[in-house]
Amino acid sequence: MSVNKGVKPIGFLMRNPNFGTLLVVNLVSSLVGSGVGIALSVHLYQLTHSPIWTAVLAAVPTVAGVAFGHLAGTVTDRWSAPLRIIRIALFLRVLVLVALFTLADSPLGLVCAVFAQAVLQQLYTPAEQVLIADYVTVEDLAEANGLNSFASNATRLIGPALGGFIMGWAGFRWTAIGVTTLMLLSALLSLLLRGSGRKTPTAGGTAEEGEEGGGDGYLAMLRRSRRVRGLVLLQLLDAVKEGPLSSLFPVLMLGVIGATSGQMGLVNSAFAVSAVIAGPMIGTVVRRLGYRLPVLLGAAISNCAIVVLAIWPSLPLALIAFIVSGLPFTISWVGGQTWLLLSTPRSLRGRIVGTTGAIYAGVSLVAMLASGVLAEWFGPRWVIGLGSFIAVAGLIAVTALLNERQQPTSTGQTAQTAPAK
């Protein structure tokens, strides 16, 4: 693989104006999602004073992912109009946010609205990934996904604080009005997007183009390509780690380490700080090193950081672990997702993203539930450590599956065979 100079974000966006517009659409909608999430959790707890309702609220997006991930990916592939799907999803999300205003005093109504929002997000995600791959070339896809990751992590830094501030200052209904206005802006911006042009071809030799149907297409893709199996396994190993970590993180920080809620928030934000830095770096890293090394090494570093934290839990080490893991994890995740898209025929890209997302959500949900039970017996730190250790050990199998010699390297034509780095 040739070593190219890094791409400057401004020049990249000028060269890919449709992607630039889509990036702004994603930035605004992600800001809405992160802002309304914290406002909803605070409002629902104030309304019910019940941890059960807040737990249900947290579980709803995962349930939606399990139930509708594959269907959403299939719709994207069969309809073959990702831009239209994105526009429909955005305008429907505006209506759901209006429903939050009208259902503000109904816990069940709020949960149902959040479920609807999560279903629409399932529809949006595979269409977004397919559209990004259509808007840019092979060489630019990692850069595009990196900038998209940067936007997402930037809103993770800003959105919760903004949502919490508006919630405390103006109340939930005014917060709902604010996020509805932002989402409407995002939906209107999507009208500026134009047809894709399909710049990113399928990676050669990985799978044959064709209109395979439903779940058989997804399973056939897994059977034919060791690389796809390895990349899917990598995501599922992350779900094994993420389930215990997300469900037991407050217990680890508040109960084991003895941190305050403010310190817990600081540690959580530390991950996003280094993840934001990773976004613009991903394109350059992939061009210089290929996909395999950054994907595997990034996953190993981020998972090992959590294992170390579980063994020696403390506030300073928690800050270090989350700062250290944010950058390599983001490079690994975005690089792996990009490689997966390039290794898949366009007729299956929506299903690969949607179905893998559904399986990820299912594994994560099972891991969350199991970790709650196991933590009662063994303690939260050891359950978190076990999940991360499994994710590290599983990289041995992932490495074997990714040991293929095909690497997407060309633009405007099917990728040629080259050593995978």
Protein backbone atom coordinates (compact mmCIF):
# COMPACT_ATOMS: atom_id res chain seq x y z
CA MET A 1 0.00 0.00 0.00
CA SER A 2 1.36 3.38 -0.96
CA VAL A 3 1.88 6.01 1.69
CA ASN A 4 -0.15 9.13 0.91
CA LYS A 5 -0.06 12.45 2.62
CA GLY A 6 -2.73 13.18 5.19
CA VAL A 7 -5.94 14.74 3.95
CA LYS A 8 -6.88 18.11 5.39
CA PRO A 9 -10.51 18.08 6.59
CA ILE A 10 -11.46 21.39 4.89
CA GLY A 11 -10.09 20.29 1.53
CA PHE A 12 -11.70 16.90 1.96
CA LEU A 13 -15.13 18.43 2.62
CA MET A 14 -14.78 20.81 -0.34
CA ARG A 15 -13.95 17.84 -2.55
CA ASN A 16 -16.95 15.90 -1.20
CA PRO A 17 -19.72 18.51 -0.73
CA ASN A 18 -22.53 15.95 -0.36
CA PHE A 19 -20.65 14.22 2.42
CA GLY A 20 -20.00 17.61 4.06
CA THR A 21 -23.72 18.33 4.15
CA LEU A 22 -24.45 14.85 5.49
CA LEU A 23 -21.80 15.41 8.19
CA VAL A 24 -23.62 18.55 9.36
CA VAL A 25 -26.94 16.65 9.33
CA ASN A 26 -25.39 13.91 11.48
CA LEU A 27 -23.76 16.45 13.79
CA VAL A 28 -27.04 18.21 14.53
CA SER A 29 -29.07 15.00 14.94
CA SER A 30 -26.38 13.48 17.19
CA LEU A 31 -26.41 16.63 19.32
CA VAL A 32 -30.16 16.21 19.70
CA GLY A 33 -29.81 12.55 20.67
CA SER A 34 -27.15 13.13 23.31
CA GLY A 35 -28.90 16.19 24.72
CA VAL A 36 -32.38 14.72 24.95
CA GLY A 37 -31.03 11.49 26.47
CA ILE A 38 -29.77 13.15 29.66
CA ALA A 39 -32.84 15.39 29.90
CA LEU A 40 -35.16 12.39 29.58
CA SER A 41 -33.39 10.33 32.23
CA VAL A 42 -33.44 13.23 34.71
CA HIS A 43 -37.07 14.11 33.95
CA LEU A 44 -38.30 10.52 34.19
CA TYR A 45 -36.59 10.00 37.54
CA GLN A 46 -38.01 13.28 38.87
CA LEU A 47 -41.44 12.24 37.62
CA THR A 48 -41.45 8.70 39.04
CA HIS A 49 -38.64 8.57 41.66
CA SER A 50 -38.26 4.98 40.47
CA PRO A 51 -34.96 3.38 39.38
CA ILE A 52 -37.02 0.75 37.55
CA TRP A 53 -38.37 3.34 35.09
CA THR A 54 -34.90 4.74 34.45
CA ALA A 55 -33.56 1.22 33.88
CA VAL A 56 -36.38 0.53 31.41
CA LEU A 57 -35.57 3.79 29.64
CA ALA A 58 -31.92 2.74 29.30
CA ALA A 59 -32.84 -0.72 27.98
CA VAL A 60 -35.35 0.45 25.35
CA PRO A 61 -32.78 1.37 22.63
CA THR A 62 -31.12 -2.03 22.98
CA VAL A 63 -34.46 -3.82 22.61
CA ALA A 64 -35.20 -1.76 19.50
CA GLY A 65 -31.82 -2.73 18.06
CA VAL A 66 -32.48 -6.44 18.61
CA ALA A 67 -35.98 -6.24 17.13
CA PHE A 68 -35.45 -3.97 14.13
CA GLY A 69 -31.75 -3.91 13.24
CA HIS A 70 -31.91 -6.63 10.58
CA LEU A 71 -35.21 -5.34 9.18
CA ALA A 72 -33.80 -1.82 8.84
CA GLY A 73 -30.74 -3.09 6.99
CA THR A 74 -32.91 -5.16 4.66
CA VAL A 75 -35.11 -2.15 3.90
CA THR A 76 -32.01 -0.12 2.98
CA ASP A 77 -30.77 -2.82 0.58
CA ARG A 78 -34.11 -3.71 -0.99
CA TRP A 79 -35.34 -0.14 -1.38
CA SER A 80 -31.90 0.95 -2.65
CA ALA A 81 -32.63 4.56 -1.72
CA PRO A 82 -30.62 5.37 1.42
CA LEU A 83 -31.04 9.14 1.00
CA ARG A 84 -34.82 8.82 0.94
CA ILE A 85 -34.72 6.61 4.05
CA ILE A 86 -32.56 9.16 5.89
CA ARG A 87 -34.96 11.99 5.07
CA ILE A 88 -38.01 10.00 6.15
CA ALA A 89 -36.31 8.95 9.40
CA LEU A 90 -35.31 12.54 10.22
CA PHE A 91 -38.78 13.99 9.67
CA LEU A 92 -40.37 11.17 11.67
CA ARG A 93 -37.93 11.89 14.51
CA VAL A 94 -39.22 15.47 14.54
CA LEU A 95 -42.74 14.10 15.15
CA VAL A 96 -41.48 11.83 17.93
CA LEU A 97 -39.80 14.79 19.66
CA VAL A 98 -43.08 16.71 19.44
CA ALA A 99 -44.65 13.70 21.18
CA LEU A 100 -42.15 14.09 24.04
CA PHE A 101 -43.61 17.55 24.68
CA THR A 102 -47.22 16.30 24.73
CA LEU A 103 -46.43 13.16 26.79
CA ALA A 104 -44.16 14.88 29.31
CA ASP A 105 -46.29 13.79 32.29
CA SER A 106 -46.74 10.16 31.23
CA PRO A 107 -43.88 7.75 32.08
CA LEU A 108 -45.27 5.05 29.79
CA GLY A 109 -45.79 7.56 27.00
CA LEU A 110 -42.21 8.79 27.32
CA VAL A 111 -40.83 5.26 27.18
CA CYS A 112 -42.94 4.52 24.08
CA ALA A 113 -41.67 7.71 22.43
CA VAL A 114 -38.07 6.73 23.20
CA PHE A 115 -38.73 3.29 21.71
CA ALA A 116 -40.08 4.90 18.53
CA GLN A 117 -37.02 7.16 18.41
CA ALA A 118 -34.74 4.13 18.79
CA VAL A 119 -36.55 2.28 15.99
CA LEU A 120 -36.07 5.26 13.68
CA GLN A 121 -32.39 5.36 14.63
CA GLN A 122 -32.11 1.70 13.61
CA LEU A 123 -33.56 2.66 10.24
CA TYR A 124 -31.22 5.64 9.95
CA THR A 125 -27.90 3.97 10.80
CA PRO A 126 -27.51 1.46 7.91
CA ALA A 127 -28.83 4.02 5.42
CA GLU A 128 -26.29 6.55 6.71
CA GLN A 129 -23.40 4.08 6.41
CA VAL A 130 -24.41 3.07 2.88
CA LEU A 131 -24.83 6.70 1.81
CA ILE A 132 -21.40 7.70 3.15
CA ALA A 133 -19.86 4.82 1.18
CA ASP A 134 -21.75 6.02 -1.91
CA TYR A 135 -20.62 9.64 -1.56
CA VAL A 136 -16.86 9.04 -1.32
CA THR A 137 -14.19 6.93 -2.98
CA VAL A 138 -12.37 3.91 -1.54
CA GLU A 139 -9.38 5.99 -0.46
CA ASP A 140 -11.65 8.58 1.17
CA LEU A 141 -14.01 6.22 3.00
CA ALA A 142 -11.86 5.81 6.12
CA GLU A 143 -11.37 9.59 6.24
CA ALA A 144 -15.12 10.15 5.89
CA ASN A 145 -15.99 7.66 8.62
CA GLY A 146 -13.31 9.21 10.83
CA LEU A 147 -14.78 12.70 10.44
CA ASN A 148 -18.25 11.28 11.09
CA SER A 149 -16.91 9.68 14.27
CA PHE A 150 -15.35 13.01 15.25
CA ALA A 151 -18.75 14.71 14.93
CA SER A 152 -20.44 11.99 16.98
CA ASN A 153 -17.89 12.14 19.79
CA ALA A 154 -17.88 15.94 19.79
CA THR A 155 -21.61 15.91 20.49
CA ARG A 156 -20.96 13.39 23.27
CA LEU A 157 -18.85 16.06 24.93
CA ILE A 158 -21.29 18.94 24.38
CA GLY A 159 -24.76 17.38 24.21
CA PRO A 160 -25.20 15.93 27.73
CA ALA A 161 -23.94 19.13 29.38
CA LEU A 162 -26.15 21.29 27.16
CA GLY A 163 -29.20 19.08 27.68
CA GLY A 164 -28.67 19.00 31.45
CA PHE A 165 -28.22 22.77 31.61
CA ILE A 166 -31.38 23.56 29.61
CA MET A 167 -33.31 20.94 31.57
CA GLY A 168 -32.32 22.53 34.90
CA TRP A 169 -32.85 26.09 33.68
CA ALA A 170 -36.04 25.87 31.59
CA GLY A 171 -37.62 22.50 32.37
CA PHE A 172 -38.31 19.44 30.26
CA ARG A 173 -40.96 20.86 27.95
CA TRP A 174 -38.76 23.77 26.83
CA THR A 175 -35.91 21.30 26.35
CA ALA A 176 -38.21 19.23 24.12
CA ILE A 177 -39.05 22.35 22.08
CA GLY A 178 -35.35 23.14 21.67
CA VAL A 179 -34.31 19.68 20.50
CA THR A 180 -37.35 19.50 18.19
CA THR A 181 -36.23 22.73 16.53
CA LEU A 182 -32.70 21.36 16.06
CA MET A 183 -34.00 18.10 14.62
CA LEU A 184 -36.23 20.01 12.20
CA LEU A 185 -33.14 21.94 11.09
CA SER A 186 -31.31 18.64 10.51
CA ALA A 187 -34.24 17.29 8.48
CA LEU A 188 -34.40 20.44 6.34
CA LEU A 189 -30.64 20.30 5.73
CA SER A 190 -31.07 16.76 4.40
CA LEU A 191 -33.12 18.20 1.53
CA LEU A 192 -29.90 19.78 0.23
CA LEU A 193 -28.35 16.34 -0.30
CA ARG A 194 -28.28 14.98 -3.84
CA GLY A 195 -27.96 11.57 -5.50
CA SER A 196 -25.03 9.41 -4.46
CA GLY A 197 -23.11 8.57 -7.59
CA ARG A 198 -21.90 5.36 -5.89
CA LYS A 199 -18.19 6.18 -5.77
CA THR A 200 -17.11 3.32 -3.49
CA PRO A 201 -17.11 -0.10 -5.22
CA THR A 202 -17.21 -3.50 -3.63
CA ALA A 203 -13.87 -4.93 -2.52
CA GLY A 204 -12.91 -7.51 -5.12
CA GLY A 205 -12.82 -11.19 -4.36
CA THR A 206 -14.62 -10.87 -1.05
CA ALA A 207 -18.09 -11.56 -2.34
CA GLU A 208 -19.92 -11.55 -5.62
CA GLU A 209 -22.40 -8.84 -6.44
CA GLY A 210 -25.97 -10.08 -6.43
CA GLU A 211 -29.33 -9.63 -4.87
CA GLU A 212 -29.29 -12.29 -2.18
CA GLY A 213 -32.42 -12.32 -0.15
CA GLY A 214 -33.01 -11.49 3.48
CA GLY A 215 -31.12 -13.36 6.15
CA ASP A 216 -29.73 -15.87 3.58
CA GLY A 217 -27.66 -13.06 2.03
CA TYR A 218 -26.15 -12.14 5.37
CA LEU A 219 -25.38 -15.74 6.30
CA ALA A 220 -23.98 -16.44 2.83
CA MET A 221 -21.68 -13.45 3.22
CA LEU A 222 -20.41 -14.81 6.55
CA ARG A 223 -19.83 -18.27 5.04
CA ARG A 224 -17.93 -16.95 2.02
CA SER A 225 -15.65 -14.41 3.65
CA ARG A 226 -13.30 -15.10 6.56
CA ARG A 227 -12.62 -11.38 6.76
CA VAL A 228 -16.29 -10.52 7.26
CA ARG A 229 -16.59 -13.22 9.92
CA GLY A 230 -13.58 -11.76 11.70
CA LEU A 231 -14.91 -8.19 11.61
CA VAL A 232 -18.34 -9.27 12.83
CA LEU A 233 -16.74 -11.33 15.63
CA LEU A 234 -14.70 -8.28 16.62
CA GLN A 235 -17.89 -6.24 17.09
CA LEU A 236 -19.55 -9.00 19.09
CA LEU A 237 -16.54 -9.28 21.40
CA ASP A 238 -16.90 -5.57 22.05
CA ALA A 239 -20.53 -6.20 23.04
CA VAL A 240 -19.34 -8.79 25.58
CA LYS A 241 -17.09 -6.10 27.08
CA GLU A 242 -19.49 -3.18 26.73
CA GLY A 243 -22.48 -4.91 28.37
CA PRO A 244 -20.92 -5.28 31.83
CA LEU A 245 -19.01 -2.00 31.55
CA SER A 246 -22.06 0.12 30.72
CA SER A 247 -24.36 -1.51 33.27
CA LEU A 248 -21.86 -1.65 36.15
CA PHE A 249 -19.86 1.53 35.49
CA PRO A 250 -21.83 3.59 38.08
CA VAL A 251 -21.38 0.79 40.65
CA LEU A 252 -17.65 0.60 39.93
CA MET A 253 -17.15 4.35 40.18
CA LEU A 254 -19.48 5.18 43.08
CA GLY A 255 -19.43 1.93 45.06
CA VAL A 256 -15.95 0.46 44.52
CA ILE A 257 -13.75 3.47 43.81
CA GLY A 258 -15.79 5.87 45.94
CA ALA A 259 -15.93 8.64 43.32
CA THR A 260 -18.52 11.42 43.30
CA SER A 261 -21.10 11.77 40.53
CA GLY A 262 -19.10 14.68 39.11
CA GLN A 263 -15.92 12.61 39.03
CA MET A 264 -17.83 9.78 37.36
CA GLY A 265 -19.00 12.19 34.65
CA LEU A 266 -15.44 13.44 34.21
CA VAL A 267 -14.15 9.90 33.67
CA ASN A 268 -16.91 9.19 31.16
CA SER A 269 -16.09 12.37 29.24
CA ALA A 270 -12.38 11.48 29.24
CA PHE A 271 -13.11 8.70 26.75
CA ALA A 272 -14.78 11.14 24.36
CA VAL A 273 -11.85 13.57 24.59
CA SER A 274 -9.35 11.13 23.11
CA ALA A 275 -12.00 9.67 20.77
CA VAL A 276 -12.51 13.14 19.28
CA ILE A 277 -8.77 13.33 18.58
CA ALA A 278 -8.89 9.95 16.83
CA GLY A 279 -11.52 10.95 14.26
CA PRO A 280 -9.38 13.09 11.93
CA MET A 281 -6.44 10.65 12.31
CA ILE A 282 -8.19 7.54 11.04
CA GLY A 283 -7.77 8.18 7.32
CA THR A 284 -4.02 8.81 7.65
CA VAL A 285 -3.52 5.80 9.94
CA VAL A 286 -5.29 3.46 7.51
CA ARG A 287 -3.41 4.79 4.49
CA ARG A 288 -0.07 4.27 6.24
CA LEU A 289 -0.69 0.99 8.08
CA GLY A 290 -3.59 -0.67 6.28
CA TYR A 291 -6.66 -1.87 8.15
CA ARG A 292 -5.63 -5.02 9.99
CA LEU A 293 -2.97 -3.65 12.37
CA PRO A 294 -4.90 -0.55 13.57
CA VAL A 295 -8.12 -2.56 13.97
CA LEU A 296 -6.52 -5.35 16.02
CA LEU A 297 -4.05 -3.24 18.00
CA GLY A 298 -6.66 -0.59 18.82
CA ALA A 299 -9.06 -3.21 20.17
CA ALA A 300 -6.30 -4.88 22.21
CA ILE A 301 -5.14 -1.62 23.83
CA SER A 302 -8.63 -0.39 24.71
CA ASN A 303 -9.75 -3.73 26.15
CA CYS A 304 -6.54 -4.22 28.14
CA ALA A 305 -6.96 -0.75 29.66
CA ILE A 306 -10.30 -1.83 31.16
CA VAL A 307 -8.81 -5.10 32.43
CA VAL A 308 -6.10 -3.13 34.25
CA LEU A 309 -8.74 -0.81 35.75
CA ALA A 310 -10.72 -3.81 37.03
CA ILE A 311 -7.63 -5.26 38.70
CA TRP A 312 -6.50 -1.97 40.32
CA PRO A 313 -9.59 0.25 40.57
CA SER A 314 -8.90 3.88 41.50
CA LEU A 315 -9.96 7.32 40.31
CA PRO A 316 -6.60 8.26 38.71
CA LEU A 317 -6.38 4.91 36.94
CA ALA A 318 -10.00 5.23 35.75
CA LEU A 319 -9.16 8.60 34.16
CA ILE A 320 -6.02 7.17 32.55
CA ALA A 321 -7.84 4.03 31.32
CA PHE A 322 -10.65 5.96 29.66
CA ILE A 323 -8.35 8.56 28.11
CA VAL A 324 -5.98 5.86 26.84
CA SER A 325 -8.77 3.64 25.47
CA GLY A 326 -10.77 6.31 23.65
CA LEU A 327 -8.31 6.90 20.80
CA PRO A 328 -7.33 3.29 19.94
CA PHE A 329 -10.91 2.05 20.37
CA THR A 330 -12.23 4.66 17.95
CA ILE A 331 -9.56 3.89 15.37
CA SER A 332 -10.31 0.17 15.73
CA TRP A 333 -14.10 0.54 15.60
CA VAL A 334 -14.26 3.00 12.70
CA GLY A 335 -11.51 1.20 10.80
CA GLY A 336 -13.28 -2.13 11.28
CA GLN A 337 -16.63 -0.71 10.19
CA THR A 338 -15.02 0.83 7.10
CA TRP A 339 -13.24 -2.41 6.23
CA LEU A 340 -16.50 -4.31 6.65
CA LEU A 341 -18.27 -2.01 4.17
CA LEU A 342 -15.43 -2.33 1.66
CA SER A 343 -15.53 -6.13 2.00
CA THR A 344 -19.25 -6.33 1.24
CA PRO A 345 -21.23 -6.03 -2.00
CA ARG A 346 -23.31 -2.88 -2.16
CA SER A 347 -26.46 -5.02 -2.36
CA LEU A 348 -25.69 -6.36 1.14
CA ARG A 349 -24.17 -3.36 2.91
CA GLY A 350 -27.38 -2.32 4.65
CA ARG A 351 -28.00 -5.84 5.92
CA ILE A 352 -24.42 -6.25 7.10
CA VAL A 353 -24.64 -3.03 9.14
CA GLY A 354 -28.22 -3.54 10.35
CA THR A 355 -28.07 -7.25 11.15
CA THR A 356 -24.67 -7.04 12.84
CA GLY A 357 -26.02 -4.12 14.86
CA ALA A 358 -29.02 -6.21 15.91
CA ILE A 359 -26.81 -9.11 16.98
CA TYR A 360 -24.52 -6.67 18.81
CA ALA A 361 -27.52 -5.26 20.68
CA GLY A 362 -28.69 -8.76 21.61
CA VAL A 363 -25.28 -9.86 22.91
CA SER A 364 -24.92 -6.57 24.79
CA LEU A 365 -28.36 -6.95 26.38
CA VAL A 366 -27.63 -10.51 27.52
CA ALA A 367 -24.24 -9.39 28.87
CA MET A 368 -25.89 -6.52 30.78
CA LEU A 369 -28.44 -8.82 32.41
CA ALA A 370 -25.86 -11.51 33.22
CA SER A 371 -23.42 -8.98 34.65
CA GLY A 372 -26.02 -7.72 37.11
CA VAL A 373 -26.49 -11.23 38.47
CA LEU A 374 -22.80 -12.13 38.49
CA ALA A 375 -21.86 -8.87 40.20
CA GLU A 376 -23.93 -9.93 43.22
CA TRP A 377 -21.69 -12.99 43.62
CA PHE A 378 -18.25 -11.86 42.48
CA GLY A 379 -18.34 -8.06 42.65
CA PRO A 380 -18.62 -5.54 39.80
CA ARG A 381 -14.89 -5.07 39.17
CA TRP A 382 -14.31 -8.76 38.44
CA VAL A 383 -17.35 -9.00 36.15
CA ILE A 384 -16.16 -5.95 34.20
CA GLY A 385 -12.65 -7.41 34.07
CA LEU A 386 -13.93 -10.78 32.86
CA GLY A 387 -15.89 -9.23 30.02
CA SER A 388 -12.87 -7.21 28.89
CA PHE A 389 -10.56 -10.23 29.23
CA ILE A 390 -12.87 -12.30 27.00
CA ALA A 391 -12.75 -9.48 24.44
CA VAL A 392 -8.93 -9.53 24.56
CA ALA A 393 -8.65 -13.33 24.34
CA GLY A 394 -11.12 -13.42 21.44
CA LEU A 395 -8.74 -11.29 19.38
CA ILE A 396 -6.71 -14.46 18.76
CA ALA A 397 -9.58 -15.85 16.69
CA VAL A 398 -10.20 -12.47 15.05
CA THR A 399 -6.52 -12.23 14.04
CA ALA A 400 -6.69 -15.65 12.38
CA LEU A 401 -9.84 -14.72 10.46
CA LEU A 402 -8.43 -11.38 9.31
CA ASN A 403 -5.25 -12.99 8.02
CA GLU A 404 -6.31 -12.52 4.39
CA ARG A 405 -4.24 -10.95 1.67
CA GLN A 406 -6.85 -8.73 0.00
CA GLN A 407 -6.89 -5.05 0.79
CA PRO A 408 -8.99 -2.33 -0.87
CA THR A 409 -6.52 0.00 -2.55
CA SER A 410 -7.96 1.45 -5.74
CA THR A 411 -10.51 4.07 -6.65
CA GLY A 412 -13.23 3.80 -9.26
CA GLN A 413 -12.68 0.11 -9.86
CA THR A 414 -12.78 -3.15 -7.97
CA ALA A 415 -10.02 -3.31 -5.36
CA GLN A 416 -6.94 -5.26 -6.35
CA THR A 417 -5.18 -7.96 -4.37
CA ALA A 418 -2.52 -6.65 -2.00
CA PRO A 419 -0.92 -7.79 1.26
CA ALA A 420 -3.00 -6.89 4.31
CA LYS A 421 -0.92 -5.06 6.85
